[in-house]
């Protein structure tokens, strides 16, 4: 998975015993994020998307901010630790997805067509972290113009598909927690 947290603090969001997570509460972490943390996530994602070969990682401050928001949501909604973790990954993906969408469109790709391509995968693939082979197949199907067949475009598309995948599997994991 390309969306990595720089701090383990987020993973220790909360160990609140609870009932099954309600999908209606999934956006809680994103809503509770401090504006500075939200801005930092957007800045770090934008920077990584703009630089070929730069792997997307987040600073410890992002991990701490997500951990704080996830802990508050877990307490408020009586989520399990697994639900809080999934909601945090979902928040990261939802914040980064518009940035990734804009980046792929600036490179001449149709983001809606890429999303349709991802959604055409079998459900059992969409609700799990994409494998390297699945990502490569998506990229190969997306890049039909020889002029666009560059390493930088492949890396950018891999990040875009990672954002799509993370949002989908995190929502699934949340609903199962």
C-alpha atoms as a PDB file:
ATOM      1  CA  UNK A   1       0.000   0.000   0.000  1.00  0.00           C
ATOM      2  CA  UNK A   2       1.389   3.355  -0.958  1.00  0.00           C
ATOM      3  CA  UNK A   3      -0.475   5.447   1.541  1.00  0.00           C
ATOM      4  CA  UNK A   4       1.822   5.061   4.524  1.00  0.00           C
ATOM      5  CA  UNK A   5       1.706   6.705   7.899  1.00  0.00           C
ATOM      6  CA  UNK A   6       4.945   7.992   9.284  1.00  0.00           C
ATOM      7  CA  UNK A   7       3.892   7.447  12.884  1.00  0.00           C
ATOM      8  CA  UNK A   8       2.582   4.430  14.724  1.00  0.00           C
ATOM      9  CA  UNK A   9       0.542   6.809  16.854  1.00  0.00           C
ATOM     10  CA  UNK A  10      -2.356   6.582  14.465  1.00  0.00           C
ATOM     11  CA  UNK A  11      -2.450   2.798  14.683  1.00  0.00           C
ATOM     12  CA  UNK A  12      -2.934   3.103  18.424  1.00  0.00           C
ATOM     13  CA  UNK A  13      -5.938   5.377  17.908  1.00  0.00           C
ATOM     14  CA  UNK A  14      -8.172   3.769  20.460  1.00  0.00           C
ATOM     15  CA  UNK A  15      -9.093   0.431  21.905  1.00  0.00           C
ATOM     16  CA  UNK A  16     -12.688   1.281  22.709  1.00  0.00           C
ATOM     17  CA  UNK A  17     -14.859  -1.847  22.883  1.00  0.00           C
ATOM     18  CA  UNK A  18     -17.865  -1.377  20.652  1.00  0.00           C
ATOM     19  CA  UNK A  19     -20.533  -2.626  18.346  1.00  0.00           C
ATOM     20  CA  UNK A  20     -20.264  -2.831  14.550  1.00  0.00           C
ATOM     21  CA  UNK A  21     -19.254   0.429  12.929  1.00  0.00           C
ATOM     22  CA  UNK A  22     -22.080   2.322  11.235  1.00  0.00           C
ATOM     23  CA  UNK A  23     -21.157   3.498   7.714  1.00  0.00           C
ATOM     24  CA  UNK A  24     -23.087   6.710   8.389  1.00  0.00           C
ATOM     25  CA  UNK A  25     -20.271   7.673  10.778  1.00  0.00           C
ATOM     26  CA  UNK A  26     -17.366   6.835   8.427  1.00  0.00           C
ATOM     27  CA  UNK A  27     -16.600  10.483   7.607  1.00  0.00           C
ATOM     28  CA  UNK A  28     -16.125  11.370  11.278  1.00  0.00           C
ATOM     29  CA  UNK A  29     -12.304  11.300  11.220  1.00  0.00           C
ATOM     30  CA  UNK A  30     -12.132  13.608   8.207  1.00  0.00           C
ATOM     31  CA  UNK A  31     -14.631  15.967   9.814  1.00  0.00           C
ATOM     32  CA  UNK A  32     -12.726  16.083  13.107  1.00  0.00           C
ATOM     33  CA  UNK A  33      -9.307  16.671  11.574  1.00  0.00           C
ATOM     34  CA  UNK A  34      -7.670  19.867  12.704  1.00  0.00           C
ATOM     35  CA  UNK A  35      -7.350  22.374   9.825  1.00  0.00           C
ATOM     36  CA  UNK A  36      -3.551  22.377  10.136  1.00  0.00           C
ATOM     37  CA  UNK A  37      -3.388  18.574   9.850  1.00  0.00           C
ATOM     38  CA  UNK A  38      -5.781  18.627   6.902  1.00  0.00           C
ATOM     39  CA  UNK A  39      -3.598  21.233   5.216  1.00  0.00           C
ATOM     40  CA  UNK A  40      -0.457  19.204   5.917  1.00  0.00           C
ATOM     41  CA  UNK A  41      -2.019  16.051   4.427  1.00  0.00           C
ATOM     42  CA  UNK A  42      -2.964  17.982   1.305  1.00  0.00           C
ATOM     43  CA  UNK A  43       0.482  19.580   1.076  1.00  0.00           C
ATOM     44  CA  UNK A  44       2.368  16.304   1.505  1.00  0.00           C
ATOM     45  CA  UNK A  45       0.128  14.451  -0.957  1.00  0.00           C
ATOM     46  CA  UNK A  46       0.369  17.253  -3.534  1.00  0.00           C
ATOM     47  CA  UNK A  47       4.141  17.341  -3.207  1.00  0.00           C
ATOM     48  CA  UNK A  48       4.489  13.590  -3.691  1.00  0.00           C
ATOM     49  CA  UNK A  49       2.094  13.551  -6.647  1.00  0.00           C
ATOM     50  CA  UNK A  50       4.033  16.355  -8.351  1.00  0.00           C
ATOM     51  CA  UNK A  51       7.423  14.623  -8.068  1.00  0.00           C
ATOM     52  CA  UNK A  52       8.062  11.563 -10.198  1.00  0.00           C
ATOM     53  CA  UNK A  53       9.521   8.751  -8.160  1.00  0.00           C
ATOM     54  CA  UNK A  54       8.612  10.263  -4.799  1.00  0.00           C
ATOM     55  CA  UNK A  55       6.731   7.777  -2.697  1.00  0.00           C
ATOM     56  CA  UNK A  56       3.786   9.145  -0.753  1.00  0.00           C
ATOM     57  CA  UNK A  57       4.422   9.099   2.978  1.00  0.00           C
ATOM     58  CA  UNK A  58       3.065  11.265   5.748  1.00  0.00           C
ATOM     59  CA  UNK A  59       4.866  13.000   8.590  1.00  0.00           C
ATOM     60  CA  UNK A  60       4.477  12.050  12.263  1.00  0.00           C
ATOM     61  CA  UNK A  61       2.290  15.136  12.777  1.00  0.00           C
ATOM     62  CA  UNK A  62      -0.216  13.706  10.308  1.00  0.00           C
ATOM     63  CA  UNK A  63      -0.213  10.396  12.176  1.00  0.00           C
ATOM     64  CA  UNK A  64      -0.763  12.210  15.464  1.00  0.00           C
ATOM     65  CA  UNK A  65      -3.582  14.318  14.034  1.00  0.00           C
ATOM     66  CA  UNK A  66      -5.309  11.293  12.548  1.00  0.00           C
ATOM     67  CA  UNK A  67      -4.857   9.425  15.821  1.00  0.00           C
ATOM     68  CA  UNK A  68      -6.452  12.244  17.782  1.00  0.00           C
ATOM     69  CA  UNK A  69      -9.419  12.494  15.404  1.00  0.00           C
ATOM     70  CA  UNK A  70      -9.846   8.706  15.237  1.00  0.00           C
ATOM     71  CA  UNK A  71      -9.732   8.409  19.020  1.00  0.00           C
ATOM     72  CA  UNK A  72     -12.404  11.097  19.398  1.00  0.00           C
ATOM     73  CA  UNK A  73     -14.604   9.410  16.784  1.00  0.00           C
ATOM     74  CA  UNK A  74     -14.107   5.988  18.356  1.00  0.00           C
ATOM     75  CA  UNK A  75     -15.220   7.311  21.720  1.00  0.00           C
ATOM     76  CA  UNK A  76     -18.152   9.210  20.233  1.00  0.00           C
ATOM     77  CA  UNK A  77     -19.432   6.343  18.058  1.00  0.00           C
ATOM     78  CA  UNK A  78     -18.176   3.401  20.124  1.00  0.00           C
ATOM     79  CA  UNK A  79     -15.976   2.087  17.319  1.00  0.00           C
ATOM     80  CA  UNK A  80     -13.490  -0.727  17.672  1.00  0.00           C
ATOM     81  CA  UNK A  81      -9.790  -0.028  17.173  1.00  0.00           C
ATOM     82  CA  UNK A  82     -10.081  -1.690  13.753  1.00  0.00           C
ATOM     83  CA  UNK A  83     -12.934   0.633  12.771  1.00  0.00           C
ATOM     84  CA  UNK A  84     -10.949   3.681  13.905  1.00  0.00           C
ATOM     85  CA  UNK A  85      -7.923   2.549  11.889  1.00  0.00           C
ATOM     86  CA  UNK A  86     -10.044   1.952   8.764  1.00  0.00           C
ATOM     87  CA  UNK A  87     -11.750   5.335   9.170  1.00  0.00           C
ATOM     88  CA  UNK A  88      -8.328   7.002   9.359  1.00  0.00           C
ATOM     89  CA  UNK A  89      -7.181   5.368   6.123  1.00  0.00           C
ATOM     90  CA  UNK A  90     -10.488   6.335   4.548  1.00  0.00           C
ATOM     91  CA  UNK A  91      -9.981   9.970   5.608  1.00  0.00           C
ATOM     92  CA  UNK A  92      -6.487  10.015   4.085  1.00  0.00           C
ATOM     93  CA  UNK A  93      -7.773   8.573   0.828  1.00  0.00           C
ATOM     94  CA  UNK A  94     -10.735  10.955   0.641  1.00  0.00           C
ATOM     95  CA  UNK A  95      -8.496  13.979   1.215  1.00  0.00           C
ATOM     96  CA  UNK A  96      -5.908  12.839  -1.314  1.00  0.00           C
ATOM     97  CA  UNK A  97      -8.253  11.610  -4.025  1.00  0.00           C
ATOM     98  CA  UNK A  98      -9.216  15.049  -5.432  1.00  0.00           C
ATOM     99  CA  UNK A  99      -5.537  15.973  -5.579  1.00  0.00           C
ATOM    100  CA  UNK A 100      -4.674  12.742  -7.370  1.00  0.00           C
ATOM    101  CA  UNK A 101      -7.640  13.205  -9.713  1.00  0.00           C
ATOM    102  CA  UNK A 102      -6.407  16.668 -10.656  1.00  0.00           C
ATOM    103  CA  UNK A 103      -2.842  15.372 -11.158  1.00  0.00           C
ATOM    104  CA  UNK A 104      -3.892  12.583 -13.545  1.00  0.00           C
ATOM    105  CA  UNK A 105      -6.161  14.937 -15.476  1.00  0.00           C
ATOM    106  CA  UNK A 106      -3.281  17.415 -15.852  1.00  0.00           C
ATOM    107  CA  UNK A 107      -1.317  14.574 -17.490  1.00  0.00           C
ATOM    108  CA  UNK A 108      -4.119  14.017 -19.985  1.00  0.00           C
ATOM    109  CA  UNK A 109      -5.894  11.056 -18.394  1.00  0.00           C
ATOM    110  CA  UNK A 110      -9.640  10.806 -17.905  1.00  0.00           C
ATOM    111  CA  UNK A 111     -10.087  10.336 -14.147  1.00  0.00           C
ATOM    112  CA  UNK A 112     -13.700   9.186 -14.529  1.00  0.00           C
ATOM    113  CA  UNK A 113     -12.628   6.493 -16.995  1.00  0.00           C
ATOM    114  CA  UNK A 114      -9.869   5.393 -14.608  1.00  0.00           C
ATOM    115  CA  UNK A 115     -12.387   5.156 -11.778  1.00  0.00           C
ATOM    116  CA  UNK A 116     -14.749   3.151 -13.985  1.00  0.00           C
ATOM    117  CA  UNK A 117     -11.849   0.849 -14.811  1.00  0.00           C
ATOM    118  CA  UNK A 118     -11.160   0.348 -11.102  1.00  0.00           C
ATOM    119  CA  UNK A 119     -14.856  -0.217 -10.345  1.00  0.00           C
ATOM    120  CA  UNK A 120     -14.960  -2.890 -13.067  1.00  0.00           C
ATOM    121  CA  UNK A 121     -12.596  -5.053 -11.005  1.00  0.00           C
ATOM    122  CA  UNK A 122     -14.283  -7.933  -9.193  1.00  0.00           C
ATOM    123  CA  UNK A 123     -15.534  -6.943  -5.745  1.00  0.00           C
ATOM    124  CA  UNK A 124     -13.084  -9.259  -3.985  1.00  0.00           C
ATOM    125  CA  UNK A 125     -10.226  -7.228  -5.502  1.00  0.00           C
ATOM    126  CA  UNK A 126     -11.790  -3.823  -4.799  1.00  0.00           C
ATOM    127  CA  UNK A 127     -12.282  -4.523  -1.083  1.00  0.00           C
ATOM    128  CA  UNK A 128      -8.635  -5.478  -0.509  1.00  0.00           C
ATOM    129  CA  UNK A 129      -5.356  -3.658  -1.030  1.00  0.00           C
ATOM    130  CA  UNK A 130      -4.556  -3.816  -4.742  1.00  0.00           C
ATOM    131  CA  UNK A 131      -1.804  -6.251  -5.589  1.00  0.00           C
ATOM    132  CA  UNK A 132       1.148  -5.111  -7.671  1.00  0.00           C
ATOM    133  CA  UNK A 133      -0.126  -7.270 -10.522  1.00  0.00           C
ATOM    134  CA  UNK A 134      -3.622  -5.736 -10.372  1.00  0.00           C
ATOM    135  CA  UNK A 135      -2.172  -2.234 -10.295  1.00  0.00           C
ATOM    136  CA  UNK A 136       0.077  -2.981 -13.264  1.00  0.00           C
ATOM    137  CA  UNK A 137      -2.866  -4.390 -15.225  1.00  0.00           C
ATOM    138  CA  UNK A 138      -4.918  -1.270 -14.485  1.00  0.00           C
ATOM    139  CA  UNK A 139      -2.044   0.966 -15.609  1.00  0.00           C
ATOM    140  CA  UNK A 140      -1.454  -0.998 -18.802  1.00  0.00           C
ATOM    141  CA  UNK A 141      -5.149  -0.800 -19.682  1.00  0.00           C
ATOM    142  CA  UNK A 142      -5.213   2.933 -18.934  1.00  0.00           C
ATOM    143  CA  UNK A 143      -2.156   3.923 -20.953  1.00  0.00           C
ATOM    144  CA  UNK A 144      -2.992   3.126 -24.551  1.00  0.00           C
ATOM    145  CA  UNK A 145      -1.237   6.144 -26.080  1.00  0.00           C
ATOM    146  CA  UNK A 146       2.435   5.327 -26.578  1.00  0.00           C
ATOM    147  CA  UNK A 147       3.443   8.931 -25.817  1.00  0.00           C
ATOM    148  CA  UNK A 148       1.946   8.541 -22.320  1.00  0.00           C
ATOM    149  CA  UNK A 149       3.812   5.309 -21.572  1.00  0.00           C
ATOM    150  CA  UNK A 150       6.347   6.810 -19.189  1.00  0.00           C
ATOM    151  CA  UNK A 151       7.609   5.742 -15.797  1.00  0.00           C
ATOM    152  CA  UNK A 152       6.337   9.001 -14.285  1.00  0.00           C
ATOM    153  CA  UNK A 153       2.828   8.398 -15.633  1.00  0.00           C
ATOM    154  CA  UNK A 154       2.867   4.803 -14.405  1.00  0.00           C
ATOM    155  CA  UNK A 155       3.860   5.980 -10.920  1.00  0.00           C
ATOM    156  CA  UNK A 156       1.181   8.676 -10.926  1.00  0.00           C
ATOM    157  CA  UNK A 157      -1.506   6.231 -12.044  1.00  0.00           C
ATOM    158  CA  UNK A 158      -0.378   3.751  -9.401  1.00  0.00           C
ATOM    159  CA  UNK A 159      -0.897   6.462  -6.769  1.00  0.00           C
ATOM    160  CA  UNK A 160      -4.321   7.328  -8.204  1.00  0.00           C
ATOM    161  CA  UNK A 161      -5.420   3.689  -8.155  1.00  0.00           C
ATOM    162  CA  UNK A 162      -4.018   3.410  -4.637  1.00  0.00           C
ATOM    163  CA  UNK A 163      -6.216   6.288  -3.462  1.00  0.00           C
ATOM    164  CA  UNK A 164      -9.265   4.678  -5.097  1.00  0.00           C
ATOM    165  CA  UNK A 165      -8.400   1.309  -3.612  1.00  0.00           C
ATOM    166  CA  UNK A 166      -7.755   2.678  -0.140  1.00  0.00           C
ATOM    167  CA  UNK A 167     -11.075   4.513  -0.025  1.00  0.00           C
ATOM    168  CA  UNK A 168     -12.917   1.379  -1.100  1.00  0.00           C
ATOM    169  CA  UNK A 169     -11.181  -1.194   1.080  1.00  0.00           C
ATOM    170  CA  UNK A 170     -11.106   1.109   4.105  1.00  0.00           C
ATOM    171  CA  UNK A 171     -14.885   1.610   3.850  1.00  0.00           C
ATOM    172  CA  UNK A 172     -15.299  -2.157   3.551  1.00  0.00           C
ATOM    173  CA  UNK A 173     -13.001  -2.838   6.514  1.00  0.00           C
ATOM    174  CA  UNK A 174     -14.822  -0.191   8.533  1.00  0.00           C
ATOM    175  CA  UNK A 175     -18.185  -1.808   7.858  1.00  0.00           C
ATOM    176  CA  UNK A 176     -16.789  -5.174   8.903  1.00  0.00           C
ATOM    177  CA  UNK A 177     -15.226  -3.893  12.152  1.00  0.00           C
END
